[in-house]
């Protein structure tokens, strides 16, 4: 196993992590921004008003993008298991 091979596996793992987390983080960021704009204009500073919509947005995003995320993880895992003979050498 060479250092390039190990670095390639790490790079792929990092890319998969970023690819899976980006949609959820972007949706949460947008919802949080919208809620804070609403709070600033109405001057309502209720703490639950920020958390509940974010939680619902994350749940909805995970339900909507769950099959896609599962395919990404399954593909990465399959590639990792297919490269096991290269680990042994």
C-alpha atoms as a PDB file:
ATOM      1  CA  UNK A   1       0.000   0.000   0.000  1.00  0.00           C
ATOM      2  CA  UNK A   2       1.485   3.291  -1.062  1.00  0.00           C
ATOM      3  CA  UNK A   3       0.950   6.686   0.456  1.00  0.00           C
ATOM      4  CA  UNK A   4      -0.833   7.842  -2.697  1.00  0.00           C
ATOM      5  CA  UNK A   5      -3.353   5.018  -2.361  1.00  0.00           C
ATOM      6  CA  UNK A   6      -4.052   5.885   1.277  1.00  0.00           C
ATOM      7  CA  UNK A   7      -4.358   9.585   0.454  1.00  0.00           C
ATOM      8  CA  UNK A   8      -6.769   8.752  -2.376  1.00  0.00           C
ATOM      9  CA  UNK A   9      -9.004   6.775  -0.010  1.00  0.00           C
ATOM     10  CA  UNK A  10      -8.961   9.639   2.485  1.00  0.00           C
ATOM     11  CA  UNK A  11      -9.730  12.147  -0.254  1.00  0.00           C
ATOM     12  CA  UNK A  12     -12.673  10.051  -1.453  1.00  0.00           C
ATOM     13  CA  UNK A  13     -13.989   9.717   2.108  1.00  0.00           C
ATOM     14  CA  UNK A  14     -13.758  13.469   2.642  1.00  0.00           C
ATOM     15  CA  UNK A  15     -15.505  14.140  -0.671  1.00  0.00           C
ATOM     16  CA  UNK A  16     -18.335  11.723   0.212  1.00  0.00           C
ATOM     17  CA  UNK A  17     -18.687  13.388   3.623  1.00  0.00           C
ATOM     18  CA  UNK A  18     -18.901  16.852   2.079  1.00  0.00           C
ATOM     19  CA  UNK A  19     -21.275  15.667  -0.638  1.00  0.00           C
ATOM     20  CA  UNK A  20     -23.647  14.171   1.931  1.00  0.00           C
ATOM     21  CA  UNK A  21     -23.535  16.971   4.487  1.00  0.00           C
ATOM     22  CA  UNK A  22     -23.723  19.955   2.121  1.00  0.00           C
ATOM     23  CA  UNK A  23     -27.446  19.743   1.215  1.00  0.00           C
ATOM     24  CA  UNK A  24     -28.525  19.434   4.847  1.00  0.00           C
ATOM     25  CA  UNK A  25     -26.254  22.269   5.975  1.00  0.00           C
ATOM     26  CA  UNK A  26     -27.337  24.570   3.135  1.00  0.00           C
ATOM     27  CA  UNK A  27     -31.050  23.976   3.814  1.00  0.00           C
ATOM     28  CA  UNK A  28     -30.500  24.589   7.535  1.00  0.00           C
ATOM     29  CA  UNK A  29     -28.572  27.777   6.774  1.00  0.00           C
ATOM     30  CA  UNK A  30     -31.324  29.102   4.497  1.00  0.00           C
ATOM     31  CA  UNK A  31     -34.086  28.280   6.975  1.00  0.00           C
ATOM     32  CA  UNK A  32     -32.126  29.845   9.840  1.00  0.00           C
ATOM     33  CA  UNK A  33     -31.515  32.987   7.801  1.00  0.00           C
ATOM     34  CA  UNK A  34     -35.197  33.301   6.890  1.00  0.00           C
ATOM     35  CA  UNK A  35     -36.274  32.787  10.498  1.00  0.00           C
ATOM     36  CA  UNK A  36     -33.783  35.371  11.764  1.00  0.00           C
ATOM     37  CA  UNK A  37     -35.011  37.893   9.168  1.00  0.00           C
ATOM     38  CA  UNK A  38     -38.587  37.265  10.309  1.00  0.00           C
ATOM     39  CA  UNK A  39     -37.540  37.648  13.948  1.00  0.00           C
ATOM     40  CA  UNK A  40     -35.706  40.881  13.223  1.00  0.00           C
ATOM     41  CA  UNK A  41     -38.634  42.423  11.392  1.00  0.00           C
ATOM     42  CA  UNK A  42     -41.270  41.375  13.922  1.00  0.00           C
ATOM     43  CA  UNK A  43     -39.000  41.751  16.988  1.00  0.00           C
ATOM     44  CA  UNK A  44     -40.130  38.385  18.317  1.00  0.00           C
ATOM     45  CA  UNK A  45     -37.220  36.731  20.123  1.00  0.00           C
ATOM     46  CA  UNK A  46     -38.693  33.322  20.894  1.00  0.00           C
ATOM     47  CA  UNK A  47     -35.999  30.608  21.076  1.00  0.00           C
ATOM     48  CA  UNK A  48     -38.225  27.769  19.902  1.00  0.00           C
ATOM     49  CA  UNK A  49     -39.039  29.737  16.774  1.00  0.00           C
ATOM     50  CA  UNK A  50     -35.469  29.153  15.554  1.00  0.00           C
ATOM     51  CA  UNK A  51     -35.042  25.507  16.478  1.00  0.00           C
ATOM     52  CA  UNK A  52     -38.330  23.930  15.413  1.00  0.00           C
ATOM     53  CA  UNK A  53     -38.220  25.059  11.750  1.00  0.00           C
ATOM     54  CA  UNK A  54     -34.571  24.022  11.458  1.00  0.00           C
ATOM     55  CA  UNK A  55     -35.301  20.580  12.879  1.00  0.00           C
ATOM     56  CA  UNK A  56     -38.267  20.156  10.552  1.00  0.00           C
ATOM     57  CA  UNK A  57     -36.178  21.288   7.575  1.00  0.00           C
ATOM     58  CA  UNK A  58     -33.437  18.779   8.414  1.00  0.00           C
ATOM     59  CA  UNK A  59     -35.950  15.957   8.811  1.00  0.00           C
ATOM     60  CA  UNK A  60     -37.662  16.859   5.538  1.00  0.00           C
ATOM     61  CA  UNK A  61     -34.305  17.087   3.739  1.00  0.00           C
ATOM     62  CA  UNK A  62     -33.192  13.713   5.079  1.00  0.00           C
ATOM     63  CA  UNK A  63     -36.472  12.112   4.035  1.00  0.00           C
ATOM     64  CA  UNK A  64     -36.295  13.686   0.599  1.00  0.00           C
ATOM     65  CA  UNK A  65     -32.587  13.038  -0.071  1.00  0.00           C
ATOM     66  CA  UNK A  66     -32.217   9.841   1.966  1.00  0.00           C
ATOM     67  CA  UNK A  67     -32.253   7.426  -0.990  1.00  0.00           C
ATOM     68  CA  UNK A  68     -29.683   9.525  -2.853  1.00  0.00           C
ATOM     69  CA  UNK A  69     -27.454   9.650   0.228  1.00  0.00           C
ATOM     70  CA  UNK A  70     -27.774   5.901   0.698  1.00  0.00           C
ATOM     71  CA  UNK A  71     -26.721   5.328  -2.918  1.00  0.00           C
ATOM     72  CA  UNK A  72     -23.654   7.540  -2.424  1.00  0.00           C
ATOM     73  CA  UNK A  73     -22.612   5.689   0.738  1.00  0.00           C
ATOM     74  CA  UNK A  74     -23.297   2.286  -0.830  1.00  0.00           C
ATOM     75  CA  UNK A  75     -21.219   3.188  -3.882  1.00  0.00           C
ATOM     76  CA  UNK A  76     -18.311   4.373  -1.744  1.00  0.00           C
ATOM     77  CA  UNK A  77     -18.500   1.262   0.429  1.00  0.00           C
ATOM     78  CA  UNK A  78     -18.636  -0.970  -2.631  1.00  0.00           C
ATOM     79  CA  UNK A  79     -15.581   0.762  -4.106  1.00  0.00           C
ATOM     80  CA  UNK A  80     -13.779   0.392  -0.793  1.00  0.00           C
ATOM     81  CA  UNK A  81     -14.538  -3.332  -0.568  1.00  0.00           C
ATOM     82  CA  UNK A  82     -13.571  -3.836  -4.211  1.00  0.00           C
ATOM     83  CA  UNK A  83     -10.184  -2.299  -3.474  1.00  0.00           C
ATOM     84  CA  UNK A  84      -9.478  -4.702  -0.593  1.00  0.00           C
ATOM     85  CA  UNK A  85      -7.038  -6.779  -2.673  1.00  0.00           C
ATOM     86  CA  UNK A  86      -4.907  -3.652  -3.060  1.00  0.00           C
ATOM     87  CA  UNK A  87      -4.825  -3.300   0.743  1.00  0.00           C
ATOM     88  CA  UNK A  88      -3.335  -6.767   1.138  1.00  0.00           C
ATOM     89  CA  UNK A  89      -0.497  -6.249  -1.347  1.00  0.00           C
END
